[in-house]
């Protein structure tokens, strides 16, 4: 079989080449379209910015954080009665006896159980001052007092008459401050436990029946601790 003749030079091959070459592949011609405006079948659209709550994504980064106002709805509080009645003092006999003998200690116990540290510290200092002034007044009366009729008091001409009267005034002022703190403590306990009542009613109970009100508050706080313990279990 004789080799084929070389291809002419116009095909890009040398004339003196003796090796056969494959014929060149015809080039694909681009389709020709008549002139005109053709709309794109799938036009490109910019995707919308992501919707992120509380973040303004339309501004350039870093995004400006905005806090959207939240609607607030009033929450109805259900008021209830005290866990024990005002006359239920003997539900806890030891605490009742302590309140009758040493009310200052029982009131401090209630303030500590209610976690009212400021009222607790104030009551401790006030009771120390109250008993201190009472002790000094009693000492002056015992040493310099005289029996005049049916009373036993220091004579007005005595140099210790004015100091004893001053101690009596200081003692009364301290007693009023203690009364104000006790009323404030009862109001805080009642409001924290959502108990029905008024500030005037609390003031009246502390004024006329301090021991019964103290026992009632102690029973309420003890019931609250037991209720919290049961819920944790």
C-alpha atoms as a PDB file:
ATOM      1  CA  UNK A   1       0.000   0.000   0.000  1.00  0.00           C
ATOM      2  CA  UNK A   2       1.464   3.303  -1.066  1.00  0.00           C
ATOM      3  CA  UNK A   3       1.436   6.226   1.295  1.00  0.00           C
ATOM      4  CA  UNK A   4      -0.931   8.945   0.422  1.00  0.00           C
ATOM      5  CA  UNK A   5       0.313  12.069  -1.211  1.00  0.00           C
ATOM      6  CA  UNK A   6       1.233  14.926   1.048  1.00  0.00           C
ATOM      7  CA  UNK A   7      -1.283  17.636   1.636  1.00  0.00           C
ATOM      8  CA  UNK A   8      -0.845  20.930  -0.097  1.00  0.00           C
ATOM      9  CA  UNK A   9       0.866  23.765   1.719  1.00  0.00           C
ATOM     10  CA  UNK A  10      -2.303  25.795   2.119  1.00  0.00           C
ATOM     11  CA  UNK A  11      -3.483  23.381   4.781  1.00  0.00           C
ATOM     12  CA  UNK A  12      -0.542  24.297   7.003  1.00  0.00           C
ATOM     13  CA  UNK A  13       1.539  21.185   6.390  1.00  0.00           C
ATOM     14  CA  UNK A  14       4.990  21.166   4.785  1.00  0.00           C
ATOM     15  CA  UNK A  15       5.101  20.011   1.215  1.00  0.00           C
ATOM     16  CA  UNK A  16       7.945  17.563   1.747  1.00  0.00           C
ATOM     17  CA  UNK A  17       6.191  15.740   4.557  1.00  0.00           C
ATOM     18  CA  UNK A  18       5.891  12.064   3.792  1.00  0.00           C
ATOM     19  CA  UNK A  19       3.783  11.101   6.807  1.00  0.00           C
ATOM     20  CA  UNK A  20       0.056  10.986   6.341  1.00  0.00           C
ATOM     21  CA  UNK A  21      -1.943  13.501   8.413  1.00  0.00           C
ATOM     22  CA  UNK A  22      -5.601  13.339   9.301  1.00  0.00           C
ATOM     23  CA  UNK A  23      -7.744  15.762   7.491  1.00  0.00           C
ATOM     24  CA  UNK A  24      -8.517  18.937   9.470  1.00  0.00           C
ATOM     25  CA  UNK A  25     -11.844  19.012  11.289  1.00  0.00           C
ATOM     26  CA  UNK A  26     -14.254  21.603   9.989  1.00  0.00           C
ATOM     27  CA  UNK A  27     -14.802  24.482  12.436  1.00  0.00           C
ATOM     28  CA  UNK A  28     -18.292  24.972  13.805  1.00  0.00           C
ATOM     29  CA  UNK A  29     -19.793  28.176  12.690  1.00  0.00           C
ATOM     30  CA  UNK A  30     -21.705  30.331  15.159  1.00  0.00           C
ATOM     31  CA  UNK A  31     -25.373  30.556  14.449  1.00  0.00           C
ATOM     32  CA  UNK A  32     -26.396  33.804  12.902  1.00  0.00           C
ATOM     33  CA  UNK A  33     -29.557  35.520  14.095  1.00  0.00           C
ATOM     34  CA  UNK A  34     -31.313  38.364  12.391  1.00  0.00           C
ATOM     35  CA  UNK A  35     -30.693  41.720  14.032  1.00  0.00           C
ATOM     36  CA  UNK A  36     -33.100  42.690  16.780  1.00  0.00           C
ATOM     37  CA  UNK A  37     -33.556  43.054  20.565  1.00  0.00           C
ATOM     38  CA  UNK A  38     -34.123  39.767  22.293  1.00  0.00           C
ATOM     39  CA  UNK A  39     -35.089  39.806  26.013  1.00  0.00           C
ATOM     40  CA  UNK A  40     -33.250  37.497  28.304  1.00  0.00           C
ATOM     41  CA  UNK A  41     -35.147  34.381  29.156  1.00  0.00           C
ATOM     42  CA  UNK A  42     -33.992  34.317  32.809  1.00  0.00           C
ATOM     43  CA  UNK A  43     -33.062  37.836  33.902  1.00  0.00           C
ATOM     44  CA  UNK A  44     -30.833  38.031  36.995  1.00  0.00           C
ATOM     45  CA  UNK A  45     -32.474  39.493  40.045  1.00  0.00           C
ATOM     46  CA  UNK A  46     -30.776  40.667  43.215  1.00  0.00           C
ATOM     47  CA  UNK A  47     -31.906  38.431  46.120  1.00  0.00           C
ATOM     48  CA  UNK A  48     -33.696  40.275  48.950  1.00  0.00           C
ATOM     49  CA  UNK A  49     -31.741  40.909  52.152  1.00  0.00           C
ATOM     50  CA  UNK A  50     -32.245  38.333  54.899  1.00  0.00           C
ATOM     51  CA  UNK A  51     -34.900  39.179  57.449  1.00  0.00           C
ATOM     52  CA  UNK A  52     -33.209  39.166  60.833  1.00  0.00           C
ATOM     53  CA  UNK A  53     -35.235  40.197  63.867  1.00  0.00           C
ATOM     54  CA  UNK A  54     -33.827  43.235  65.616  1.00  0.00           C
ATOM     55  CA  UNK A  55     -31.097  43.877  62.994  1.00  0.00           C
ATOM     56  CA  UNK A  56     -31.253  46.492  60.252  1.00  0.00           C
ATOM     57  CA  UNK A  57     -29.781  44.595  57.264  1.00  0.00           C
ATOM     58  CA  UNK A  58     -30.456  47.392  54.787  1.00  0.00           C
ATOM     59  CA  UNK A  59     -27.621  49.480  56.152  1.00  0.00           C
ATOM     60  CA  UNK A  60     -24.015  48.645  55.279  1.00  0.00           C
ATOM     61  CA  UNK A  61     -22.200  46.377  57.713  1.00  0.00           C
ATOM     62  CA  UNK A  62     -21.712  46.481  60.573  1.00  0.00           C
ATOM     63  CA  UNK A  63     -25.461  46.326  60.842  1.00  0.00           C
ATOM     64  CA  UNK A  64     -27.127  48.803  63.139  1.00  0.00           C
ATOM     65  CA  UNK A  65     -28.870  46.928  65.919  1.00  0.00           C
ATOM     66  CA  UNK A  66     -32.352  48.174  66.692  1.00  0.00           C
ATOM     67  CA  UNK A  67     -34.607  47.050  69.521  1.00  0.00           C
ATOM     68  CA  UNK A  68     -38.198  46.699  68.517  1.00  0.00           C
ATOM     69  CA  UNK A  69     -40.653  47.765  71.248  1.00  0.00           C
ATOM     70  CA  UNK A  70     -42.515  44.850  72.739  1.00  0.00           C
ATOM     71  CA  UNK A  71     -46.143  45.177  73.762  1.00  0.00           C
ATOM     72  CA  UNK A  72     -46.706  44.922  77.471  1.00  0.00           C
ATOM     73  CA  UNK A  73     -49.819  43.465  78.978  1.00  0.00           C
ATOM     74  CA  UNK A  74     -50.908  43.956  82.592  1.00  0.00           C
ATOM     75  CA  UNK A  75     -50.647  40.814  84.687  1.00  0.00           C
ATOM     76  CA  UNK A  76     -53.535  40.317  87.043  1.00  0.00           C
ATOM     77  CA  UNK A  77     -52.373  39.349  90.533  1.00  0.00           C
ATOM     78  CA  UNK A  78     -54.612  37.032  92.501  1.00  0.00           C
ATOM     79  CA  UNK A  79     -54.763  38.141  96.133  1.00  0.00           C
ATOM     80  CA  UNK A  80     -55.318  35.609  98.876  1.00  0.00           C
ATOM     81  CA  UNK A  81     -55.731  35.477 102.624  1.00  0.00           C
ATOM     82  CA  UNK A  82     -53.105  34.791 105.266  1.00  0.00           C
ATOM     83  CA  UNK A  83     -52.231  31.159 105.790  1.00  0.00           C
ATOM     84  CA  UNK A  84     -53.150  31.451 109.478  1.00  0.00           C
ATOM     85  CA  UNK A  85     -55.746  33.640 111.114  1.00  0.00           C
ATOM     86  CA  UNK A  86     -54.690  36.482 113.399  1.00  0.00           C
ATOM     87  CA  UNK A  87     -55.882  34.441 116.372  1.00  0.00           C
ATOM     88  CA  UNK A  88     -53.988  31.296 115.363  1.00  0.00           C
ATOM     89  CA  UNK A  89     -51.105  32.057 117.690  1.00  0.00           C
ATOM     90  CA  UNK A  90     -51.042  28.633 119.326  1.00  0.00           C
ATOM     91  CA  UNK A  91     -50.333  26.737 116.102  1.00  0.00           C
ATOM     92  CA  UNK A  92     -46.667  27.053 117.082  1.00  0.00           C
ATOM     93  CA  UNK A  93     -46.639  27.050 120.888  1.00  0.00           C
ATOM     94  CA  UNK A  94     -42.860  27.572 121.440  1.00  0.00           C
ATOM     95  CA  UNK A  95     -42.747  30.598 119.172  1.00  0.00           C
ATOM     96  CA  UNK A  96     -45.923  31.956 120.761  1.00  0.00           C
ATOM     97  CA  UNK A  97     -44.390  31.729 124.236  1.00  0.00           C
ATOM     98  CA  UNK A  98     -41.184  33.355 122.977  1.00  0.00           C
ATOM     99  CA  UNK A  99     -43.213  36.221 121.517  1.00  0.00           C
ATOM    100  CA  UNK A 100     -45.049  36.737 124.805  1.00  0.00           C
ATOM    101  CA  UNK A 101     -41.849  36.758 126.890  1.00  0.00           C
ATOM    102  CA  UNK A 102     -39.278  38.277 124.529  1.00  0.00           C
ATOM    103  CA  UNK A 103     -41.044  39.919 121.566  1.00  0.00           C
ATOM    104  CA  UNK A 104     -37.849  41.616 120.452  1.00  0.00           C
ATOM    105  CA  UNK A 105     -36.210  38.247 119.686  1.00  0.00           C
ATOM    106  CA  UNK A 106     -39.245  36.855 117.847  1.00  0.00           C
ATOM    107  CA  UNK A 107     -39.510  39.992 115.701  1.00  0.00           C
ATOM    108  CA  UNK A 108     -35.837  39.704 114.743  1.00  0.00           C
ATOM    109  CA  UNK A 109     -36.424  36.040 113.839  1.00  0.00           C
ATOM    110  CA  UNK A 110     -39.289  37.076 111.540  1.00  0.00           C
ATOM    111  CA  UNK A 111     -37.146  39.764 109.893  1.00  0.00           C
ATOM    112  CA  UNK A 112     -34.350  37.252 109.292  1.00  0.00           C
ATOM    113  CA  UNK A 113     -36.745  34.637 107.880  1.00  0.00           C
ATOM    114  CA  UNK A 114     -38.238  37.289 105.562  1.00  0.00           C
ATOM    115  CA  UNK A 115     -34.679  38.185 104.373  1.00  0.00           C
ATOM    116  CA  UNK A 116     -35.108  41.823 105.366  1.00  0.00           C
ATOM    117  CA  UNK A 117     -31.544  42.406 106.491  1.00  0.00           C
ATOM    118  CA  UNK A 118     -31.821  46.187 106.811  1.00  0.00           C
ATOM    119  CA  UNK A 119     -34.874  45.966 109.067  1.00  0.00           C
ATOM    120  CA  UNK A 120     -33.175  43.205 111.096  1.00  0.00           C
ATOM    121  CA  UNK A 121     -30.066  45.297 111.744  1.00  0.00           C
ATOM    122  CA  UNK A 122     -32.176  48.364 112.571  1.00  0.00           C
ATOM    123  CA  UNK A 123     -34.314  46.414 115.049  1.00  0.00           C
ATOM    124  CA  UNK A 124     -31.250  45.014 116.802  1.00  0.00           C
ATOM    125  CA  UNK A 125     -29.726  48.464 117.360  1.00  0.00           C
ATOM    126  CA  UNK A 126     -33.054  50.030 118.287  1.00  0.00           C
ATOM    127  CA  UNK A 127     -33.823  47.379 120.888  1.00  0.00           C
ATOM    128  CA  UNK A 128     -30.365  47.751 122.404  1.00  0.00           C
ATOM    129  CA  UNK A 129     -30.965  51.487 122.653  1.00  0.00           C
ATOM    130  CA  UNK A 130     -34.467  51.003 124.051  1.00  0.00           C
ATOM    131  CA  UNK A 131     -33.385  48.622 126.795  1.00  0.00           C
ATOM    132  CA  UNK A 132     -30.271  50.672 127.508  1.00  0.00           C
ATOM    133  CA  UNK A 133     -32.168  53.894 128.108  1.00  0.00           C
ATOM    134  CA  UNK A 134     -34.803  52.033 130.122  1.00  0.00           C
ATOM    135  CA  UNK A 135     -32.089  50.504 132.304  1.00  0.00           C
ATOM    136  CA  UNK A 136     -30.442  53.893 132.927  1.00  0.00           C
ATOM    137  CA  UNK A 137     -33.766  55.497 133.718  1.00  0.00           C
ATOM    138  CA  UNK A 138     -34.574  52.699 136.153  1.00  0.00           C
ATOM    139  CA  UNK A 139     -31.199  53.077 137.846  1.00  0.00           C
ATOM    140  CA  UNK A 140     -31.696  56.821 138.323  1.00  0.00           C
ATOM    141  CA  UNK A 141     -35.168  56.250 139.657  1.00  0.00           C
ATOM    142  CA  UNK A 142     -33.997  53.570 142.073  1.00  0.00           C
ATOM    143  CA  UNK A 143     -31.108  55.644 143.451  1.00  0.00           C
ATOM    144  CA  UNK A 144     -32.551  59.173 143.515  1.00  0.00           C
ATOM    145  CA  UNK A 145     -36.277  58.517 143.493  1.00  0.00           C
ATOM    146  CA  UNK A 146     -38.568  59.318 146.335  1.00  0.00           C
ATOM    147  CA  UNK A 147     -42.048  58.199 147.140  1.00  0.00           C
ATOM    148  CA  UNK A 148     -44.469  61.078 146.729  1.00  0.00           C
ATOM    149  CA  UNK A 149     -48.006  60.010 147.437  1.00  0.00           C
ATOM    150  CA  UNK A 150     -48.862  57.005 145.308  1.00  0.00           C
ATOM    151  CA  UNK A 151     -45.988  57.450 142.821  1.00  0.00           C
ATOM    152  CA  UNK A 152     -42.279  56.882 143.020  1.00  0.00           C
ATOM    153  CA  UNK A 153     -40.273  59.469 141.055  1.00  0.00           C
ATOM    154  CA  UNK A 154     -37.258  61.699 141.179  1.00  0.00           C
ATOM    155  CA  UNK A 155     -37.955  65.051 142.816  1.00  0.00           C
ATOM    156  CA  UNK A 156     -37.989  68.060 140.529  1.00  0.00           C
ATOM    157  CA  UNK A 157     -35.297  69.826 142.593  1.00  0.00           C
ATOM    158  CA  UNK A 158     -32.916  66.902 142.097  1.00  0.00           C
ATOM    159  CA  UNK A 159     -30.108  67.439 139.542  1.00  0.00           C
ATOM    160  CA  UNK A 160     -31.008  64.068 138.015  1.00  0.00           C
ATOM    161  CA  UNK A 161     -34.604  65.005 137.261  1.00  0.00           C
ATOM    162  CA  UNK A 162     -33.899  66.437 133.779  1.00  0.00           C
ATOM    163  CA  UNK A 163     -31.644  63.522 132.727  1.00  0.00           C
ATOM    164  CA  UNK A 164     -34.362  61.061 133.705  1.00  0.00           C
ATOM    165  CA  UNK A 165     -36.967  63.013 131.723  1.00  0.00           C
ATOM    166  CA  UNK A 166     -34.594  63.184 128.743  1.00  0.00           C
ATOM    167  CA  UNK A 167     -34.145  59.416 128.881  1.00  0.00           C
ATOM    168  CA  UNK A 168     -37.916  58.986 128.917  1.00  0.00           C
ATOM    169  CA  UNK A 169     -38.262  61.119 125.763  1.00  0.00           C
ATOM    170  CA  UNK A 170     -35.473  59.215 123.990  1.00  0.00           C
ATOM    171  CA  UNK A 171     -37.112  55.956 125.000  1.00  0.00           C
ATOM    172  CA  UNK A 172     -40.438  57.065 123.532  1.00  0.00           C
ATOM    173  CA  UNK A 173     -38.829  58.143 120.253  1.00  0.00           C
ATOM    174  CA  UNK A 174     -37.057  54.799 119.928  1.00  0.00           C
ATOM    175  CA  UNK A 175     -40.355  53.008 120.576  1.00  0.00           C
ATOM    176  CA  UNK A 176     -42.040  54.954 117.747  1.00  0.00           C
ATOM    177  CA  UNK A 177     -39.201  54.079 115.348  1.00  0.00           C
ATOM    178  CA  UNK A 178     -39.475  50.395 116.311  1.00  0.00           C
ATOM    179  CA  UNK A 179     -43.225  50.559 115.669  1.00  0.00           C
ATOM    180  CA  UNK A 180     -42.605  52.079 112.205  1.00  0.00           C
ATOM    181  CA  UNK A 181     -40.130  49.326 111.319  1.00  0.00           C
ATOM    182  CA  UNK A 182     -42.544  46.605 112.452  1.00  0.00           C
ATOM    183  CA  UNK A 183     -45.323  48.057 110.282  1.00  0.00           C
ATOM    184  CA  UNK A 184     -42.954  48.294 107.326  1.00  0.00           C
ATOM    185  CA  UNK A 185     -41.905  44.666 107.786  1.00  0.00           C
ATOM    186  CA  UNK A 186     -45.517  43.455 107.853  1.00  0.00           C
ATOM    187  CA  UNK A 187     -46.334  45.455 104.701  1.00  0.00           C
ATOM    188  CA  UNK A 188     -43.351  43.980 102.839  1.00  0.00           C
ATOM    189  CA  UNK A 189     -44.277  40.429 103.838  1.00  0.00           C
ATOM    190  CA  UNK A 190     -47.916  40.933 102.820  1.00  0.00           C
ATOM    191  CA  UNK A 191     -47.049  42.461  99.433  1.00  0.00           C
ATOM    192  CA  UNK A 192     -44.401  39.852  98.610  1.00  0.00           C
ATOM    193  CA  UNK A 193     -46.887  37.035  99.261  1.00  0.00           C
ATOM    194  CA  UNK A 194     -49.804  38.746  97.416  1.00  0.00           C
ATOM    195  CA  UNK A 195     -51.977  38.818 100.524  1.00  0.00           C
ATOM    196  CA  UNK A 196     -55.075  40.944 100.677  1.00  0.00           C
ATOM    197  CA  UNK A 197     -54.923  43.898 103.045  1.00  0.00           C
ATOM    198  CA  UNK A 198     -54.060  47.564 103.419  1.00  0.00           C
ATOM    199  CA  UNK A 199     -51.281  49.527 105.049  1.00  0.00           C
ATOM    200  CA  UNK A 200     -53.765  51.007 107.522  1.00  0.00           C
ATOM    201  CA  UNK A 201     -54.877  47.529 108.543  1.00  0.00           C
ATOM    202  CA  UNK A 202     -51.255  46.449 109.060  1.00  0.00           C
ATOM    203  CA  UNK A 203     -50.649  49.512 111.208  1.00  0.00           C
ATOM    204  CA  UNK A 204     -53.692  48.717 113.334  1.00  0.00           C
ATOM    205  CA  UNK A 205     -52.717  45.062 113.843  1.00  0.00           C
ATOM    206  CA  UNK A 206     -49.176  46.027 114.925  1.00  0.00           C
ATOM    207  CA  UNK A 207     -50.514  48.722 117.272  1.00  0.00           C
ATOM    208  CA  UNK A 208     -53.215  46.700 119.031  1.00  0.00           C
ATOM    209  CA  UNK A 209     -51.927  43.131 118.758  1.00  0.00           C
ATOM    210  CA  UNK A 210     -48.213  43.052 118.046  1.00  0.00           C
ATOM    211  CA  UNK A 211     -47.675  39.541 119.367  1.00  0.00           C
ATOM    212  CA  UNK A 212     -50.526  38.018 117.339  1.00  0.00           C
ATOM    213  CA  UNK A 213     -49.363  39.797 114.172  1.00  0.00           C
ATOM    214  CA  UNK A 214     -45.800  38.579 114.732  1.00  0.00           C
ATOM    215  CA  UNK A 215     -46.965  34.968 115.109  1.00  0.00           C
ATOM    216  CA  UNK A 216     -49.126  35.287 111.995  1.00  0.00           C
ATOM    217  CA  UNK A 217     -46.169  36.559 109.950  1.00  0.00           C
ATOM    218  CA  UNK A 218     -43.943  33.773 111.256  1.00  0.00           C
ATOM    219  CA  UNK A 219     -46.524  31.124 110.299  1.00  0.00           C
ATOM    220  CA  UNK A 220     -46.845  32.624 106.802  1.00  0.00           C
ATOM    221  CA  UNK A 221     -43.080  32.594 106.211  1.00  0.00           C
ATOM    222  CA  UNK A 222     -42.761  29.043 107.565  1.00  0.00           C
ATOM    223  CA  UNK A 223     -45.524  27.883 105.221  1.00  0.00           C
ATOM    224  CA  UNK A 224     -43.758  29.603 102.295  1.00  0.00           C
ATOM    225  CA  UNK A 225     -40.497  27.763 103.069  1.00  0.00           C
ATOM    226  CA  UNK A 226     -42.287  24.414 103.253  1.00  0.00           C
ATOM    227  CA  UNK A 227     -44.079  25.128  99.966  1.00  0.00           C
ATOM    228  CA  UNK A 228     -40.782  25.990  98.221  1.00  0.00           C
ATOM    229  CA  UNK A 229     -39.186  22.799  99.553  1.00  0.00           C
ATOM    230  CA  UNK A 230     -42.041  20.663  98.216  1.00  0.00           C
ATOM    231  CA  UNK A 231     -41.821  22.323  94.778  1.00  0.00           C
ATOM    232  CA  UNK A 232     -38.060  21.648  94.566  1.00  0.00           C
ATOM    233  CA  UNK A 233     -38.595  17.971  95.381  1.00  0.00           C
END
